[in-house]
Structure formats: C-alpha cells, structure tokens
Amino acid sequence: MRSVGVDPDAAIDPKFMIADDAYYALCERVFREDPEGPSVSIRVGSSMRCDDYGAFGLAWKSAIDLRGSYAFRTLRARLDQCQHI
C-alpha cells in the first residue's frame, strides 16, 4: 500500500485517490507475488458494505432492481457533472 502512497495506519480519507496506473501496477504485483492473488479482489469486495461504494451503494439500496440502480447512478453522475460546471 505504501508503494502507491497509501498509509495503512492513517485514518481513511474517502477523497484520497491514487492514479489508475499505480492501482493496476499494485494489482499486478499482488496477483504475481501472493499465491492467492487472483482472489484478492473477490475477497475484498465481499467484505465491503453498500455504504463503502458511495453513490453506487446508495443506488443498490434504494432501487427496485439492478436496472433501476444503474439508472439512478447514471442520473447521479449527470447531476454531479452539472455541479462542477
């Protein structure tokens, strides 16, 4: 984690982001070096709650079905873009 600028001992900052190339390089290294590397994303994803996914999690919790959750997320993304203009 430190190799991509994440301090595992620091408080969680949901606004902190790493560059996509650093993220994929980290994933490749984990997959290569950890015997269970390919299952890391499945294990991490299964440990997360809907609230950990931000707007996607809200969409999953509030929509009637999966199609509705994607429609809600699309609408939310458009509204977010309007606020930044």
PDB file of N, CA and C in Angstrom:
ATOM      1  N   MET A   1       0.811  -1.189   0.000  1.00  0.00           N
ATOM      2  CA  MET A   1       0.000   0.000   0.000  1.00  0.00           C
ATOM      3  C   MET A   1       0.861   1.264   0.000  1.00  0.00           C
ATOM      4  N   ARG A   2       1.914   1.218   0.761  1.00  0.00           N
ATOM      5  CA  ARG A   2       2.780   2.400   0.820  1.00  0.00           C
ATOM      6  C   ARG A   2       3.396   2.715  -0.543  1.00  0.00           C
ATOM      7  N   SER A   3       3.590   1.682  -1.355  1.00  0.00           N
ATOM      8  CA  SER A   3       4.210   1.896  -2.668  1.00  0.00           C
ATOM      9  C   SER A   3       3.352   2.760  -3.590  1.00  0.00           C
ATOM     10  N   VAL A   4       2.047   2.853  -3.293  1.00  0.00           N
ATOM     11  CA  VAL A   4       1.167   3.700  -4.100  1.00  0.00           C
ATOM     12  C   VAL A   4       0.698   4.933  -3.329  1.00  0.00           C
ATOM     13  N   GLY A   5       1.367   5.195  -2.188  1.00  0.00           N
ATOM     14  CA  GLY A   5       1.066   6.406  -1.444  1.00  0.00           C
ATOM     15  C   GLY A   5      -0.018   6.268  -0.393  1.00  0.00           C
ATOM     16  N   VAL A   6      -0.399   5.044  -0.055  1.00  0.00           N
ATOM     17  CA  VAL A   6      -1.431   4.829   0.957  1.00  0.00           C
ATOM     18  C   VAL A   6      -0.762   4.396   2.255  1.00  0.00           C
ATOM     19  N   ASP A   7      -1.035   5.138   3.314  1.00  0.00           N
ATOM     20  CA  ASP A   7      -0.520   4.786   4.631  1.00  0.00           C
ATOM     21  C   ASP A   7      -1.573   3.933   5.329  1.00  0.00           C
ATOM     22  N   PRO A   8      -1.320   2.635   5.487  1.00  0.00           N
ATOM     23  CA  PRO A   8      -2.335   1.763   6.084  1.00  0.00           C
ATOM     24  C   PRO A   8      -2.654   2.092   7.538  1.00  0.00           C
ATOM     25  N   ASP A   9      -1.783   2.870   8.193  1.00  0.00           N
ATOM     26  CA  ASP A   9      -2.014   3.241   9.583  1.00  0.00           C
ATOM     27  C   ASP A   9      -2.759   4.566   9.733  1.00  0.00           C
ATOM     28  N   ALA A  10      -2.933   5.286   8.633  1.00  0.00           N
ATOM     29  CA  ALA A  10      -3.600   6.591   8.678  1.00  0.00           C
ATOM     30  C   ALA A  10      -5.119   6.413   8.678  1.00  0.00           C
ATOM     31  N   ALA A  11      -5.812   7.464   9.086  1.00  0.00           N
ATOM     32  CA  ALA A  11      -7.274   7.450   9.037  1.00  0.00           C
ATOM     33  C   ALA A  11      -7.729   7.370   7.577  1.00  0.00           C
ATOM     34  N   ILE A  12      -8.847   6.740   7.354  1.00  0.00           N
ATOM     35  CA  ILE A  12      -9.384   6.602   5.994  1.00  0.00           C
ATOM     36  C   ILE A  12      -9.870   7.957   5.499  1.00  0.00           C
ATOM     37  N   ASP A  13      -9.422   8.325   4.315  1.00  0.00           N
ATOM     38  CA  ASP A  13      -9.849   9.571   3.679  1.00  0.00           C
ATOM     39  C   ASP A  13     -10.526   9.209   2.364  1.00  0.00           C
ATOM     40  N   PRO A  14     -11.863   9.239   2.308  1.00  0.00           N
ATOM     41  CA  PRO A  14     -12.565   8.829   1.087  1.00  0.00           C
ATOM     42  C   PRO A  14     -12.275   9.716  -0.122  1.00  0.00           C
ATOM     43  N   LYS A  15     -11.704  10.891   0.098  1.00  0.00           N
ATOM     44  CA  LYS A  15     -11.388  11.776  -1.023  1.00  0.00           C
ATOM     45  C   LYS A  15     -10.018  11.478  -1.634  1.00  0.00           C
ATOM     46  N   PHE A  16      -9.200  10.695  -0.923  1.00  0.00           N
ATOM     47  CA  PHE A  16      -7.871  10.361  -1.423  1.00  0.00           C
ATOM     48  C   PHE A  16      -7.984   9.339  -2.547  1.00  0.00           C
ATOM     49  N   MET A  17      -7.283   9.594  -3.637  1.00  0.00           N
ATOM     50  CA  MET A  17      -7.298   8.667  -4.772  1.00  0.00           C
ATOM     51  C   MET A  17      -5.873   8.463  -5.263  1.00  0.00           C
ATOM     52  N   ILE A  18      -5.625   7.285  -5.813  1.00  0.00           N
ATOM     53  CA  ILE A  18      -4.328   7.029  -6.434  1.00  0.00           C
ATOM     54  C   ILE A  18      -4.532   6.989  -7.942  1.00  0.00           C
ATOM     55  N   ALA A  19      -3.466   7.202  -8.672  1.00  0.00           N
ATOM     56  CA  ALA A  19      -3.540   7.173 -10.140  1.00  0.00           C
ATOM     57  C   ALA A  19      -3.899   5.764 -10.609  1.00  0.00           C
ATOM     58  N   ASP A  20      -4.640   5.688 -11.702  1.00  0.00           N
ATOM     59  CA  ASP A  20      -5.080   4.379 -12.182  1.00  0.00           C
ATOM     60  C   ASP A  20      -3.909   3.468 -12.538  1.00  0.00           C
ATOM     61  N   ASP A  21      -2.829   4.015 -13.109  1.00  0.00           N
ATOM     62  CA  ASP A  21      -1.695   3.160 -13.456  1.00  0.00           C
ATOM     63  C   ASP A  21      -1.013   2.601 -12.210  1.00  0.00           C
ATOM     64  N   ALA A  22      -0.995   3.376 -11.122  1.00  0.00           N
ATOM     65  CA  ALA A  22      -0.419   2.879  -9.865  1.00  0.00           C
ATOM     66  C   ALA A  22      -1.304   1.780  -9.282  1.00  0.00           C
ATOM     67  N   TYR A  23      -2.612   1.943  -9.381  1.00  0.00           N
ATOM     68  CA  TYR A  23      -3.545   0.928  -8.881  1.00  0.00           C
ATOM     69  C   TYR A  23      -3.362  -0.387  -9.636  1.00  0.00           C
ATOM     70  N   TYR A  24      -3.335  -0.318 -10.962  1.00  0.00           N
ATOM     71  CA  TYR A  24      -3.192  -1.544 -11.753  1.00  0.00           C
ATOM     72  C   TYR A  24      -1.820  -2.188 -11.557  1.00  0.00           C
ATOM     73  N   ALA A  25      -0.797  -1.392 -11.368  1.00  0.00           N
ATOM     74  CA  ALA A  25       0.532  -1.949 -11.086  1.00  0.00           C
ATOM     75  C   ALA A  25       0.516  -2.676  -9.739  1.00  0.00           C
ATOM     76  N   LEU A  26      -0.171  -2.099  -8.743  1.00  0.00           N
ATOM     77  CA  LEU A  26      -0.300  -2.754  -7.444  1.00  0.00           C
ATOM     78  C   LEU A  26      -1.050  -4.078  -7.589  1.00  0.00           C
ATOM     79  N   CYS A  27      -2.156  -4.071  -8.332  1.00  0.00           N
ATOM     80  CA  CYS A  27      -2.918  -5.310  -8.559  1.00  0.00           C
ATOM     81  C   CYS A  27      -2.058  -6.373  -9.234  1.00  0.00           C
ATOM     82  N   GLU A  28      -1.308  -5.992 -10.249  1.00  0.00           N
ATOM     83  CA  GLU A  28      -0.442  -6.950 -10.942  1.00  0.00           C
ATOM     84  C   GLU A  28       0.596  -7.537  -9.988  1.00  0.00           C
ATOM     85  N   ARG A  29       1.160  -6.685  -9.133  1.00  0.00           N
ATOM     86  CA  ARG A  29       2.166  -7.165  -8.184  1.00  0.00           C
ATOM     87  C   ARG A  29       1.547  -8.132  -7.176  1.00  0.00           C
ATOM     88  N   VAL A  30       0.357  -7.810  -6.667  1.00  0.00           N
ATOM     89  CA  VAL A  30      -0.320  -8.698  -5.718  1.00  0.00           C
ATOM     90  C   VAL A  30      -0.642 -10.029  -6.385  1.00  0.00           C
ATOM     91  N   PHE A  31      -1.150  -9.985  -7.604  1.00  0.00           N
ATOM     92  CA  PHE A  31      -1.503 -11.218  -8.311  1.00  0.00           C
ATOM     93  C   PHE A  31      -0.277 -12.090  -8.556  1.00  0.00           C
ATOM     94  N   ARG A  32       0.844 -11.435  -8.816  1.00  0.00           N
ATOM     95  CA  ARG A  32       2.079 -12.156  -9.127  1.00  0.00           C
ATOM     96  C   ARG A  32       2.748 -12.722  -7.866  1.00  0.00           C
ATOM     97  N   GLU A  33       2.754 -11.955  -6.775  1.00  0.00           N
ATOM     98  CA  GLU A  33       3.521 -12.329  -5.591  1.00  0.00           C
ATOM     99  C   GLU A  33       2.728 -13.105  -4.536  1.00  0.00           C
ATOM    100  N   ASP A  34       1.429 -12.937  -4.486  1.00  0.00           N
ATOM    101  CA  ASP A  34       0.603 -13.610  -3.483  1.00  0.00           C
ATOM    102  C   ASP A  34       0.023 -14.881  -4.100  1.00  0.00           C
ATOM    103  N   PRO A  35       0.220 -16.044  -3.465  1.00  0.00           N
ATOM    104  CA  PRO A  35      -0.329 -17.288  -4.010  1.00  0.00           C
ATOM    105  C   PRO A  35      -1.846 -17.236  -4.208  1.00  0.00           C
ATOM    106  N   GLU A  36      -2.515 -16.420  -3.401  1.00  0.00           N
ATOM    107  CA  GLU A  36      -3.968 -16.266  -3.552  1.00  0.00           C
ATOM    108  C   GLU A  36      -4.307 -14.936  -4.220  1.00  0.00           C
ATOM    109  N   GLY A  37      -3.348 -14.361  -4.925  1.00  0.00           N
ATOM    110  CA  GLY A  37      -3.507 -13.047  -5.539  1.00  0.00           C
ATOM    111  C   GLY A  37      -4.751 -12.863  -6.381  1.00  0.00           C
ATOM    112  N   PRO A  38      -5.047 -13.790  -7.313  1.00  0.00           N
ATOM    113  CA  PRO A  38      -6.222 -13.581  -8.158  1.00  0.00           C
ATOM    114  C   PRO A  38      -7.548 -13.498  -7.392  1.00  0.00           C
ATOM    115  N   SER A  39      -7.593 -13.994  -6.177  1.00  0.00           N
ATOM    116  CA  SER A  39      -8.847 -13.940  -5.415  1.00  0.00           C
ATOM    117  C   SER A  39      -8.939 -12.713  -4.503  1.00  0.00           C
ATOM    118  N   VAL A  40      -7.904 -11.874  -4.496  1.00  0.00           N
ATOM    119  CA  VAL A  40      -7.897 -10.711  -3.603  1.00  0.00           C
ATOM    120  C   VAL A  40      -9.087  -9.805  -3.870  1.00  0.00           C
ATOM    121  N   SER A  41      -9.352  -9.481  -5.121  1.00  0.00           N
ATOM    122  CA  SER A  41     -10.458  -8.558  -5.409  1.00  0.00           C
ATOM    123  C   SER A  41     -11.799  -9.143  -4.981  1.00  0.00           C
ATOM    124  N   ILE A  42     -11.969 -10.441  -5.110  1.00  0.00           N
ATOM    125  CA  ILE A  42     -13.217 -11.083  -4.687  1.00  0.00           C
ATOM    126  C   ILE A  42     -13.332 -11.038  -3.165  1.00  0.00           C
ATOM    127  N   ARG A  43     -12.239 -11.324  -2.471  1.00  0.00           N
ATOM    128  CA  ARG A  43     -12.268 -11.301  -1.007  1.00  0.00           C
ATOM    129  C   ARG A  43     -12.503  -9.898  -0.475  1.00  0.00           C
ATOM    130  N   VAL A  44     -11.851  -8.908  -1.068  1.00  0.00           N
ATOM    131  CA  VAL A  44     -12.039  -7.529  -0.610  1.00  0.00           C
ATOM    132  C   VAL A  44     -13.463  -7.072  -0.912  1.00  0.00           C
ATOM    133  N   GLY A  45     -13.923  -7.339  -2.123  1.00  0.00           N
ATOM    134  CA  GLY A  45     -15.286  -6.936  -2.498  1.00  0.00           C
ATOM    135  C   GLY A  45     -16.348  -7.558  -1.613  1.00  0.00           C
ATOM    136  N   SER A  46     -16.160  -8.813  -1.235  1.00  0.00           N
ATOM    137  CA  SER A  46     -17.169  -9.474  -0.398  1.00  0.00           C
ATOM    138  C   SER A  46     -17.155  -8.954   1.034  1.00  0.00           C
ATOM    139  N   SER A  47     -16.079  -8.298   1.432  1.00  0.00           N
ATOM    140  CA  SER A  47     -16.016  -7.759   2.795  1.00  0.00           C
ATOM    141  C   SER A  47     -16.585  -6.346   2.882  1.00  0.00           C
ATOM    142  N   MET A  48     -16.877  -5.728   1.743  1.00  0.00           N
ATOM    143  CA  MET A  48     -17.361  -4.348   1.738  1.00  0.00           C
ATOM    144  C   MET A  48     -18.877  -4.306   1.897  1.00  0.00           C
ATOM    145  N   ARG A  49     -19.364  -3.192   2.406  1.00  0.00           N
ATOM    146  CA  ARG A  49     -20.800  -2.972   2.563  1.00  0.00           C
ATOM    147  C   ARG A  49     -21.260  -1.986   1.498  1.00  0.00           C
ATOM    148  N   CYS A  50     -22.546  -1.898   1.296  1.00  0.00           N
ATOM    149  CA  CYS A  50     -23.092  -0.971   0.296  1.00  0.00           C
ATOM    150  C   CYS A  50     -22.607   0.455   0.531  1.00  0.00           C
ATOM    151  N   ASP A  51     -22.518   0.879   1.768  1.00  0.00           N
ATOM    152  CA  ASP A  51     -22.093   2.252   2.076  1.00  0.00           C
ATOM    153  C   ASP A  51     -20.668   2.528   1.618  1.00  0.00           C
ATOM    154  N   ASP A  52     -19.851   1.492   1.490  1.00  0.00           N
ATOM    155  CA  ASP A  52     -18.470   1.668   1.052  1.00  0.00           C
ATOM    156  C   ASP A  52     -18.378   2.053  -0.425  1.00  0.00           C
ATOM    157  N   TYR A  53     -19.463   1.880  -1.165  1.00  0.00           N
ATOM    158  CA  TYR A  53     -19.461   2.152  -2.596  1.00  0.00           C
ATOM    159  C   TYR A  53     -20.059   3.504  -2.960  1.00  0.00           C
ATOM    160  N   GLY A  54     -20.299   4.353  -1.992  1.00  0.00           N
ATOM    161  CA  GLY A  54     -20.792   5.699  -2.269  1.00  0.00           C
ATOM    162  C   GLY A  54     -22.113   5.706  -3.016  1.00  0.00           C
ATOM    163  N   ALA A  55     -22.153   6.436  -4.147  1.00  0.00           N
ATOM    164  CA  ALA A  55     -23.402   6.566  -4.913  1.00  0.00           C
ATOM    165  C   ALA A  55     -23.877   5.220  -5.452  1.00  0.00           C
ATOM    166  N   PHE A  56     -22.944   4.341  -5.830  1.00  0.00           N
ATOM    167  CA  PHE A  56     -23.359   3.015  -6.292  1.00  0.00           C
ATOM    168  C   PHE A  56     -24.064   2.260  -5.165  1.00  0.00           C
ATOM    169  N   GLY A  57     -23.528   2.325  -3.966  1.00  0.00           N
ATOM    170  CA  GLY A  57     -24.155   1.652  -2.832  1.00  0.00           C
ATOM    171  C   GLY A  57     -25.532   2.206  -2.538  1.00  0.00           C
ATOM    172  N   LEU A  58     -25.678   3.526  -2.614  1.00  0.00           N
ATOM    173  CA  LEU A  58     -26.993   4.139  -2.419  1.00  0.00           C
ATOM    174  C   LEU A  58     -27.966   3.657  -3.486  1.00  0.00           C
ATOM    175  N   ALA A  59     -27.491   3.568  -4.727  1.00  0.00           N
ATOM    176  CA  ALA A  59     -28.345   3.091  -5.813  1.00  0.00           C
ATOM    177  C   ALA A  59     -28.787   1.648  -5.563  1.00  0.00           C
ATOM    178  N   TRP A  60     -27.863   0.803  -5.132  1.00  0.00           N
ATOM    179  CA  TRP A  60     -28.214  -0.601  -4.863  1.00  0.00           C
ATOM    180  C   TRP A  60     -29.257  -0.706  -3.759  1.00  0.00           C
ATOM    181  N   LYS A  61     -29.104   0.135  -2.738  1.00  0.00           N
ATOM    182  CA  LYS A  61     -30.031   0.063  -1.613  1.00  0.00           C
ATOM    183  C   LYS A  61     -31.395   0.660  -1.925  1.00  0.00           C
ATOM    184  N   SER A  62     -31.459   1.650  -2.798  1.00  0.00           N
ATOM    185  CA  SER A  62     -32.705   2.377  -2.995  1.00  0.00           C
ATOM    186  C   SER A  62     -33.487   1.971  -4.241  1.00  0.00           C
ATOM    187  N   ALA A  63     -32.885   1.262  -5.165  1.00  0.00           N
ATOM    188  CA  ALA A  63     -33.577   0.900  -6.403  1.00  0.00           C
ATOM    189  C   ALA A  63     -34.364  -0.401  -6.240  1.00  0.00           C
ATOM    190  N   ILE A  64     -35.399  -0.538  -7.042  1.00  0.00           N
ATOM    191  CA  ILE A  64     -36.234  -1.738  -7.003  1.00  0.00           C
ATOM    192  C   ILE A  64     -35.498  -2.932  -7.584  1.00  0.00           C
ATOM    193  N   ASP A  65     -34.712  -2.697  -8.649  1.00  0.00           N
ATOM    194  CA  ASP A  65     -33.987  -3.785  -9.296  1.00  0.00           C
ATOM    195  C   ASP A  65     -32.637  -3.270  -9.792  1.00  0.00           C
ATOM    196  N   LEU A  66     -31.837  -4.162 -10.370  1.00  0.00           N
ATOM    197  CA  LEU A  66     -30.497  -3.794 -10.821  1.00  0.00           C
ATOM    198  C   LEU A  66     -30.544  -2.719 -11.907  1.00  0.00           C
ATOM    199  N   ARG A  67     -31.476  -2.831 -12.839  1.00  0.00           N
ATOM    200  CA  ARG A  67     -31.600  -1.826 -13.895  1.00  0.00           C
ATOM    201  C   ARG A  67     -31.881  -0.450 -13.281  1.00  0.00           C
ATOM    202  N   GLY A  68     -32.730  -0.426 -12.279  1.00  0.00           N
ATOM    203  CA  GLY A  68     -33.041   0.834 -11.604  1.00  0.00           C
ATOM    204  C   GLY A  68     -31.830   1.420 -10.901  1.00  0.00           C
ATOM    205  N   SER A  69     -30.975   0.550 -10.340  1.00  0.00           N
ATOM    206  CA  SER A  69     -29.787   1.062  -9.660  1.00  0.00           C
ATOM    207  C   SER A  69     -28.822   1.704 -10.647  1.00  0.00           C
ATOM    208  N   TYR A  70     -28.692   1.113 -11.840  1.00  0.00           N
ATOM    209  CA  TYR A  70     -27.820   1.722 -12.856  1.00  0.00           C
ATOM    210  C   TYR A  70     -28.410   3.036 -13.374  1.00  0.00           C
ATOM    211  N   ALA A  71     -29.717   3.085 -13.528  1.00  0.00           N
ATOM    212  CA  ALA A  71     -30.363   4.327 -13.971  1.00  0.00           C
ATOM    213  C   ALA A  71     -30.163   5.421 -12.929  1.00  0.00           C
ATOM    214  N   PHE A  72     -30.290   5.057 -11.652  1.00  0.00           N
ATOM    215  CA  PHE A  72     -30.074   6.031 -10.581  1.00  0.00           C
ATOM    216  C   PHE A  72     -28.640   6.539 -10.591  1.00  0.00           C
ATOM    217  N   ARG A  73     -27.691   5.627 -10.763  1.00  0.00           N
ATOM    218  CA  ARG A  73     -26.275   6.021 -10.779  1.00  0.00           C
ATOM    219  C   ARG A  73     -25.975   6.941 -11.961  1.00  0.00           C
ATOM    220  N   THR A  74     -26.553   6.645 -13.112  1.00  0.00           N
ATOM    221  CA  THR A  74     -26.350   7.493 -14.285  1.00  0.00           C
ATOM    222  C   THR A  74     -26.889   8.895 -14.031  1.00  0.00           C
ATOM    223  N   LEU A  75     -28.078   8.967 -13.448  1.00  0.00           N
ATOM    224  CA  LEU A  75     -28.664  10.261 -13.116  1.00  0.00           C
ATOM    225  C   LEU A  75     -27.785  11.008 -12.119  1.00  0.00           C
ATOM    226  N   ARG A  76     -27.306  10.308 -11.115  1.00  0.00           N
ATOM    227  CA  ARG A  76     -26.455  10.928 -10.097  1.00  0.00           C
ATOM    228  C   ARG A  76     -25.168  11.467 -10.724  1.00  0.00           C
ATOM    229  N   ALA A  77     -24.572  10.705 -11.650  1.00  0.00           N
ATOM    230  CA  ALA A  77     -23.348  11.154 -12.312  1.00  0.00           C
ATOM    231  C   ALA A  77     -23.606  12.430 -13.111  1.00  0.00           C
ATOM    232  N   ARG A  78     -24.741  12.488 -13.778  1.00  0.00           N
ATOM    233  CA  ARG A  78     -25.074  13.694 -14.552  1.00  0.00           C
ATOM    234  C   ARG A  78     -25.262  14.901 -13.638  1.00  0.00           C
ATOM    235  N   LEU A  79     -25.910  14.677 -12.502  1.00  0.00           N
ATOM    236  CA  LEU A  79     -26.108  15.778 -11.554  1.00  0.00           C
ATOM    237  C   LEU A  79     -24.772  16.236 -10.987  1.00  0.00           C
ATOM    238  N   ASP A  80     -23.888  15.300 -10.693  1.00  0.00           N
ATOM    239  CA  ASP A  80     -22.565  15.664 -10.187  1.00  0.00           C
ATOM    240  C   ASP A  80     -21.793  16.488 -11.203  1.00  0.00           C
ATOM    241  N   GLN A  81     -21.905  16.136 -12.483  1.00  0.00           N
ATOM    242  CA  GLN A  81     -21.205  16.886 -13.528  1.00  0.00           C
ATOM    243  C   GLN A  81     -21.758  18.303 -13.622  1.00  0.00           C
ATOM    244  N   CYS A  82     -23.052  18.459 -13.466  1.00  0.00           N
ATOM    245  CA  CYS A  82     -23.657  19.793 -13.530  1.00  0.00           C
ATOM    246  C   CYS A  82     -23.158  20.691 -12.405  1.00  0.00           C
ATOM    247  N   GLN A  83     -22.898  20.119 -11.255  1.00  0.00           N
ATOM    248  CA  GLN A  83     -22.423  20.909 -10.122  1.00  0.00           C
ATOM    249  C   GLN A  83     -21.010  21.416 -10.339  1.00  0.00           C
ATOM    250  N   HIS A  84     -20.233  20.731 -11.166  1.00  0.00           N
ATOM    251  CA  HIS A  84     -18.839  21.120 -11.392  1.00  0.00           C
ATOM    252  C   HIS A  84     -18.671  22.117 -12.531  1.00  0.00           C
ATOM    253  N   ILE A  85     -19.743  22.446 -13.196  1.00  0.00           N
ATOM    254  CA  ILE A  85     -19.662  23.366 -14.334  1.00  0.00           C
ATOM    255  C   ILE A  85     -19.717  24.798 -13.851  1.00  0.00           C
TER     256      ILE A  85
END
